[in-house]
N, C-alpha and C. Protein backbone atom coordinates (compact mmCIF):
# COMPACT_ATOMS: atom_id res chain seq x y z
N MET A 1 186.79 156.45 60.15
CA MET A 1 187.72 155.53 60.95
C MET A 1 186.48 154.83 61.61
N PRO A 2 186.81 153.66 62.16
CA PRO A 2 186.18 152.36 62.42
C PRO A 2 185.17 153.19 64.05
N VAL A 3 184.18 152.60 64.04
CA VAL A 3 183.35 152.80 64.95
C VAL A 3 182.83 151.39 65.80
N PHE A 4 183.26 151.15 66.95
CA PHE A 4 182.92 149.87 67.70
C PHE A 4 181.67 149.86 68.64
N THR A 5 180.62 149.07 68.24
CA THR A 5 179.45 149.52 69.03
C THR A 5 179.41 147.83 69.70
N ASN A 6 178.99 148.01 71.07
CA ASN A 6 178.56 146.82 71.88
C ASN A 6 177.71 147.28 72.94
N SER A 7 176.72 146.07 73.34
CA SER A 7 175.39 146.45 74.27
C SER A 7 175.48 145.17 74.95
N VAL A 8 174.98 145.50 76.15
CA VAL A 8 174.86 144.52 77.10
C VAL A 8 173.27 144.90 77.73
N LEU A 9 172.74 143.57 78.57
CA LEU A 9 171.64 143.83 79.62
C LEU A 9 172.28 143.71 81.14
N ILE A 10 171.76 144.61 81.78
CA ILE A 10 172.45 144.74 83.06
C ILE A 10 171.47 144.52 84.21
N ARG A 11 171.39 143.89 84.95
CA ARG A 11 170.37 143.81 85.99
C ARG A 11 170.41 144.85 87.20
N ALA A 12 170.10 146.05 86.67
CA ALA A 12 170.30 147.16 87.60
C ALA A 12 169.84 148.26 87.17
N THR A 13 169.32 149.46 87.81
CA THR A 13 168.58 150.39 87.17
C THR A 13 169.69 151.42 86.08
N PRO A 14 169.07 152.10 85.36
CA PRO A 14 169.63 153.03 84.51
C PRO A 14 170.74 154.02 85.47
N GLU A 15 170.21 154.57 86.32
CA GLU A 15 171.23 155.30 87.44
C GLU A 15 172.14 154.45 87.90
N VAL A 16 172.28 153.13 88.32
CA VAL A 16 173.20 152.48 88.85
C VAL A 16 174.16 152.30 87.75
N VAL A 17 173.58 151.89 86.73
CA VAL A 17 174.80 151.68 85.70
C VAL A 17 175.40 153.16 84.86
N PHE A 18 174.40 154.21 85.13
CA PHE A 18 174.97 155.75 84.60
C PHE A 18 176.42 155.81 85.75
N ASP A 19 175.85 155.81 86.66
CA ASP A 19 176.98 156.41 87.72
C ASP A 19 177.94 155.36 87.59
N PHE A 20 178.06 154.10 87.78
CA PHE A 20 179.18 153.36 87.39
C PHE A 20 180.00 153.87 86.45
N ALA A 21 179.45 153.94 85.16
CA ALA A 21 180.20 154.39 83.61
C ALA A 21 180.70 155.52 84.06
N ALA A 22 180.30 156.52 84.76
CA ALA A 22 180.67 157.99 84.78
C ALA A 22 181.76 158.15 85.96
N ASP A 23 182.05 157.09 86.95
CA ASP A 23 183.10 157.20 87.58
C ASP A 23 184.48 156.65 86.97
N PRO A 24 185.46 157.42 86.51
CA PRO A 24 186.74 156.83 85.93
C PRO A 24 187.33 156.02 86.72
N GLN A 25 187.28 156.08 88.18
CA GLN A 25 187.94 155.16 89.07
C GLN A 25 187.63 153.66 88.80
N ASN A 26 186.33 153.32 88.18
CA ASN A 26 185.77 152.17 88.20
C ASN A 26 186.39 151.42 87.23
N GLU A 27 186.81 152.34 85.88
CA GLU A 27 187.93 151.51 85.07
C GLU A 27 188.59 150.21 85.43
N ARG A 28 189.45 150.51 86.67
CA ARG A 28 190.30 149.51 86.86
C ARG A 28 189.73 148.42 86.90
N GLU A 29 188.46 148.04 87.35
CA GLU A 29 187.98 147.02 87.36
C GLU A 29 187.43 146.33 86.14
N TRP A 30 187.45 147.05 85.20
CA TRP A 30 186.73 146.41 83.97
C TRP A 30 188.04 146.30 82.81
N ASN A 31 189.12 146.99 82.95
CA ASN A 31 189.78 147.22 81.84
C ASN A 31 191.40 147.10 82.37
N ALA A 32 191.59 145.42 81.65
CA ALA A 32 192.87 144.95 82.45
C ALA A 32 193.74 145.40 81.77
N ASP A 33 193.66 146.34 80.69
CA ASP A 33 195.12 146.97 80.01
C ASP A 33 195.35 148.20 80.74
N LEU A 34 194.41 148.45 81.51
CA LEU A 34 194.78 149.78 82.42
C LEU A 34 195.85 149.65 83.44
N GLU A 35 197.17 150.55 82.98
CA GLU A 35 198.21 150.27 83.98
C GLU A 35 198.08 151.13 85.22
N SER A 36 197.67 152.29 84.88
CA SER A 36 197.28 153.27 86.10
C SER A 36 196.06 154.10 86.00
N LEU A 37 195.94 154.75 86.77
CA LEU A 37 195.01 156.06 86.68
C LEU A 37 195.25 156.92 87.89
N GLU A 38 195.38 158.00 87.39
CA GLU A 38 195.58 159.03 88.41
C GLU A 38 194.99 160.39 87.63
N MET A 39 194.82 161.47 88.32
CA MET A 39 194.44 162.84 88.06
C MET A 39 195.73 163.42 87.68
N ILE A 40 195.96 163.98 86.71
CA ILE A 40 197.16 164.46 86.56
C ILE A 40 196.74 165.86 85.58
N THR A 41 197.86 166.83 85.22
CA THR A 41 197.47 167.68 84.61
C THR A 41 198.44 167.69 83.19
N GLU A 42 199.15 166.78 83.26
CA GLU A 42 200.06 166.56 81.62
C GLU A 42 199.48 165.34 80.97
N GLY A 43 199.74 164.79 79.80
CA GLY A 43 199.47 163.68 79.22
C GLY A 43 198.60 163.60 78.44
N VAL A 44 197.35 162.49 78.73
CA VAL A 44 196.49 162.43 77.69
C VAL A 44 195.27 162.63 78.84
N HIS A 45 194.67 163.63 77.99
CA HIS A 45 193.50 164.27 78.81
C HIS A 45 192.25 163.55 78.37
N VAL A 46 191.44 163.34 79.38
CA VAL A 46 189.81 162.59 78.74
C VAL A 46 188.75 163.91 79.46
N GLU A 47 188.03 164.13 78.60
CA GLU A 47 187.20 165.62 78.57
C GLU A 47 185.77 164.65 78.48
N THR A 48 185.04 165.34 79.75
CA THR A 48 183.57 165.02 79.53
C THR A 48 182.77 165.95 78.70
N VAL A 49 182.17 165.59 77.53
CA VAL A 49 181.68 166.67 76.53
C VAL A 49 180.01 166.55 76.68
N GLU A 50 179.39 165.46 77.32
CA GLU A 50 178.14 165.57 77.43
C GLU A 50 177.87 164.55 78.96
N PHE A 51 176.92 164.94 79.42
CA PHE A 51 176.65 164.53 80.82
C PHE A 51 175.24 164.56 80.85
N ASP A 52 174.43 163.41 80.74
CA ASP A 52 172.87 163.80 81.09
C ASP A 52 172.50 162.51 81.38
N ARG A 53 172.66 162.51 83.08
CA ARG A 53 172.13 161.33 83.74
C ARG A 53 170.69 160.96 83.82
N PRO A 54 170.38 159.72 83.72
CA PRO A 54 171.23 158.56 83.73
C PRO A 54 171.03 158.04 82.07
N ARG A 55 170.95 159.03 81.35
CA ARG A 55 170.80 158.61 79.73
C ARG A 55 172.14 158.42 78.78
N ARG A 56 173.12 159.15 79.03
CA ARG A 56 173.91 159.45 78.10
C ARG A 56 175.42 160.17 78.42
N LEU A 57 176.61 159.61 78.38
CA LEU A 57 177.54 160.10 79.07
C LEU A 57 178.65 159.92 77.49
N VAL A 58 179.11 161.20 76.98
CA VAL A 58 180.23 161.16 76.32
C VAL A 58 181.59 161.59 76.85
N ARG A 59 182.37 161.09 76.34
CA ARG A 59 184.13 161.36 76.76
C ARG A 59 184.94 161.70 75.45
N ARG A 60 185.83 162.16 75.75
CA ARG A 60 186.68 162.24 74.62
C ARG A 60 188.05 162.67 75.01
N ASN A 61 189.10 161.72 74.41
CA ASN A 61 190.59 162.25 74.68
C ASN A 61 191.41 162.34 73.32
N GLY A 62 192.59 162.94 73.71
CA GLY A 62 193.42 163.33 72.34
C GLY A 62 194.79 162.30 72.50
N GLY A 63 195.73 162.34 71.61
CA GLY A 63 196.91 161.70 71.71
C GLY A 63 197.13 160.91 70.43
N ALA A 64 197.59 160.14 70.59
CA ALA A 64 197.85 159.42 69.01
C ALA A 64 196.63 158.72 68.55
N LEU A 65 196.10 158.14 69.72
CA LEU A 65 194.63 157.68 69.19
C LEU A 65 193.47 158.29 69.95
N GLU A 66 192.99 159.25 69.32
CA GLU A 66 191.84 160.20 69.53
C GLU A 66 190.15 159.08 69.68
N VAL A 67 190.03 159.15 70.96
CA VAL A 67 188.74 158.13 70.86
C VAL A 67 187.61 159.26 71.50
N THR A 68 186.50 159.08 70.94
CA THR A 68 185.14 159.51 71.50
C THR A 68 184.41 158.08 71.92
N ALA A 69 184.11 158.13 73.49
CA ALA A 69 183.56 157.23 73.71
C ALA A 69 182.20 157.66 74.46
N THR A 70 180.66 156.76 73.90
CA THR A 70 179.64 157.39 74.10
C THR A 70 179.01 155.98 74.97
N PHE A 71 178.46 156.52 76.25
CA PHE A 71 177.79 155.11 76.91
C PHE A 71 176.19 155.92 77.11
N LEU A 72 175.36 154.71 76.61
CA LEU A 72 174.09 155.15 76.74
C LEU A 72 173.26 154.24 77.55
N THR A 73 172.40 154.77 78.27
CA THR A 73 171.62 153.48 79.10
C THR A 73 170.29 153.88 78.75
N GLU A 74 169.30 152.68 79.00
CA GLU A 74 167.91 152.91 78.67
C GLU A 74 167.27 151.44 79.42
N PRO A 75 166.26 151.80 80.01
CA PRO A 75 165.36 150.80 80.82
C PRO A 75 165.01 149.44 79.62
N ALA A 76 165.26 148.42 80.07
CA ALA A 76 165.06 147.17 79.03
C ALA A 76 164.74 146.01 80.08
N ASP A 77 163.62 145.47 79.44
CA ASP A 77 163.49 143.97 80.35
C ASP A 77 163.85 143.65 82.00
N GLY A 78 163.36 144.83 82.58
CA GLY A 78 163.67 144.32 83.86
C GLY A 78 164.93 144.85 84.31
N GLY A 79 165.80 145.37 83.14
CA GLY A 79 167.14 146.13 83.93
C GLY A 79 167.57 147.20 83.17
N THR A 80 168.88 147.11 82.28
CA THR A 80 169.18 148.29 81.77
C THR A 80 169.68 147.65 80.35
N ARG A 81 169.64 148.56 79.46
CA ARG A 81 170.24 148.23 78.12
C ARG A 81 171.68 148.93 78.05
N PHE A 82 172.85 148.70 78.47
CA PHE A 82 173.84 149.43 78.60
C PHE A 82 174.39 149.41 76.77
N THR A 83 175.12 150.66 76.18
CA THR A 83 175.61 150.51 75.18
C THR A 83 176.57 151.44 75.17
N SER A 84 177.99 151.01 74.75
CA SER A 84 179.30 151.59 74.68
C SER A 84 179.38 151.62 73.08
N ILE A 85 179.66 152.92 72.45
CA ILE A 85 180.22 153.28 71.10
C ILE A 85 181.46 154.20 71.43
N PHE A 86 182.48 153.36 70.46
CA PHE A 86 183.91 153.77 70.50
C PHE A 86 184.33 154.27 69.28
N ASP A 87 184.56 155.69 69.01
CA ASP A 87 184.47 156.35 67.33
C ASP A 87 186.29 156.77 67.74
N ALA A 88 186.99 155.85 67.01
CA ALA A 88 188.62 155.73 66.90
C ALA A 88 189.10 156.66 66.14
N THR A 89 190.00 157.53 66.30
CA THR A 89 190.79 158.31 65.06
C THR A 89 192.21 158.15 65.45
N PRO A 90 193.29 157.30 64.64
CA PRO A 90 194.26 157.24 64.96
C PRO A 90 195.25 158.41 64.45
N HIS A 91 196.30 159.23 64.88
CA HIS A 91 197.13 160.30 64.29
C HIS A 91 198.36 159.95 64.08
N GLY A 92 199.06 160.35 63.45
CA GLY A 92 200.37 160.34 63.14
C GLY A 92 201.07 158.81 62.80
N ALA A 93 202.23 158.37 63.56
CA ALA A 93 202.67 156.69 63.19
C ALA A 93 201.77 155.62 63.49
N PHE A 94 200.73 155.90 64.61
CA PHE A 94 199.63 155.34 65.21
C PHE A 94 198.69 154.99 64.01
N LYS A 95 198.63 155.54 62.80
CA LYS A 95 197.60 155.43 61.69
C LYS A 95 198.34 153.67 61.11
N LEU A 96 199.69 153.75 61.40
CA LEU A 96 200.18 152.53 60.54
C LEU A 96 199.87 151.13 61.09
N VAL A 97 199.75 151.08 62.64
CA VAL A 97 199.75 150.01 63.29
C VAL A 97 198.14 149.84 63.90
N PHE A 98 197.06 151.30 63.62
CA PHE A 98 195.83 150.71 64.13
C PHE A 98 195.24 149.67 63.38
N PRO A 99 195.30 148.89 62.02
CA PRO A 99 194.61 148.22 61.69
C PRO A 99 194.66 147.02 62.55
N LEU A 100 195.87 146.65 63.30
CA LEU A 100 196.33 145.45 64.06
C LEU A 100 195.48 145.73 65.43
N PHE A 101 195.24 146.93 65.94
CA PHE A 101 195.02 147.24 67.20
C PHE A 101 193.34 147.46 67.10
N ALA A 102 193.09 147.89 65.87
CA ALA A 102 191.51 147.69 65.88
C ALA A 102 190.83 146.13 66.04
N LYS A 103 191.47 145.48 65.57
CA LYS A 103 190.94 144.00 65.51
C LYS A 103 190.97 143.60 66.72
N LYS A 104 192.12 143.67 67.73
CA LYS A 104 192.04 143.38 69.15
C LYS A 104 191.17 144.11 69.88
N PHE A 105 190.94 145.62 69.52
CA PHE A 105 190.25 146.29 70.41
C PHE A 105 188.34 145.97 70.19
N ASP A 106 188.31 145.63 69.18
CA ASP A 106 186.84 144.97 68.64
C ASP A 106 186.74 143.82 69.45
N LYS A 107 187.62 142.84 69.40
CA LYS A 107 187.43 141.48 70.25
C LYS A 107 187.26 141.97 71.90
N ASP A 108 188.21 142.78 72.16
CA ASP A 108 188.33 143.00 73.60
C ASP A 108 186.93 143.93 74.11
N ALA A 109 186.63 144.75 73.45
CA ALA A 109 185.50 145.50 73.77
C ALA A 109 184.20 144.99 74.32
N ALA A 110 183.98 143.95 73.49
CA ALA A 110 182.57 143.00 74.05
C ALA A 110 182.69 142.35 75.23
N ALA A 111 183.92 142.03 75.23
CA ALA A 111 184.35 140.98 76.93
C ALA A 111 184.45 142.11 77.82
N ARG A 112 184.93 143.53 77.69
CA ARG A 112 185.04 144.33 78.50
C ARG A 112 183.44 144.92 79.15
N LEU A 113 182.68 144.78 78.22
CA LEU A 113 180.97 145.19 78.63
C LEU A 113 180.45 144.00 79.46
N LEU A 114 180.79 142.91 79.41
CA LEU A 114 180.60 141.82 80.28
C LEU A 114 181.00 141.79 81.63
N ILE A 115 182.34 142.80 81.75
CA ILE A 115 182.77 142.86 83.00
C ILE A 115 182.24 143.47 83.49
N VAL A 116 181.89 144.63 82.91
CA VAL A 116 181.36 145.71 83.36
C VAL A 116 179.76 145.27 83.81
N ARG A 117 178.97 144.31 83.33
CA ARG A 117 177.96 143.73 83.73
C ARG A 117 178.06 143.08 85.15
N ASP A 118 178.87 142.08 84.87
CA ASP A 118 179.04 141.48 86.31
C ASP A 118 179.95 142.01 87.39
N THR A 119 180.47 143.25 87.27
CA THR A 119 180.51 143.90 88.53
C THR A 119 179.53 144.75 88.98
N ILE A 120 178.84 145.23 88.32
CA ILE A 120 177.79 145.91 88.54
C ILE A 120 176.65 145.11 89.40
N GLU A 121 176.40 143.88 88.45
CA GLU A 121 175.49 142.92 88.96
C GLU A 121 175.95 142.45 90.38
N LYS A 122 177.06 142.27 90.66
CA LYS A 122 177.60 141.69 91.82
C LYS A 122 177.53 142.61 93.07
N ARG A 123 177.96 143.82 92.53
CA ARG A 123 177.74 144.78 93.69
C ARG A 123 176.57 144.89 93.90
N ALA A 124 175.28 145.15 93.22
CA ALA A 124 173.89 145.25 93.60
C ALA A 124 173.35 144.16 94.31
N ALA A 125 174.13 142.50 94.21
CA ALA A 125 173.74 141.44 95.02
C ALA A 125 174.38 142.16 96.54
N ASP A 126 175.53 142.26 96.44
CA ASP A 126 176.47 142.30 97.82
C ASP A 126 175.66 143.34 98.37
N ALA A 127 175.06 144.52 97.69
CA ALA A 127 174.65 145.89 98.50
C ALA A 127 173.53 145.27 99.70
N PRO A 128 173.22 146.21 100.64
CA PRO A 128 172.16 146.17 101.42
C PRO A 128 171.09 146.50 100.98
N ALA A 129 169.78 145.98 101.18
CA ALA A 129 168.43 146.51 100.43
C ALA A 129 168.22 147.81 100.46
N ASP A 130 168.45 148.76 101.59
CA ASP A 130 168.44 150.14 101.64
C ASP A 130 169.33 151.09 101.21
N HIS A 131 170.61 150.44 100.61
CA HIS A 131 171.60 151.09 100.11
C HIS A 131 171.86 150.58 98.55
N PRO A 132 171.28 150.94 97.58
CA PRO A 132 171.49 150.43 96.16
C PRO A 132 173.25 150.59 95.61
N ALA A 133 173.54 149.85 95.10
CA ALA A 133 174.92 149.66 94.72
C ALA A 133 175.08 150.91 93.48
N ALA A 134 176.33 151.23 93.61
CA ALA A 134 176.61 152.58 92.85
C ALA A 134 178.13 152.06 91.92
């Protein structure tokens, strides 16, 4: 199945970028398709399968569209190279519409990474010098 890989340079430390990506509550700021976000015990579950701060975070969800999302950070050009890798596997009836979904997702994924960059950089610019933004 398709793997969608995107990368962006963010003017912040790897720790700040990683912490932003690791906090599920931040998804409200960069994912316009997110209708709601709450901790529940039923429905789609997102599991953190790797947590190596500040370098690598891997999450996996089940459901009609199983996604393994990998987020990588590495120092680069005075900031952080942030890479997102989404490995998507459709199941059941979703396999039929997945090609249409994949085209939209591929286009939206790069745009969302720019929103992540802009949000982190704005937080860093707004934060007092003695309290780095997260």
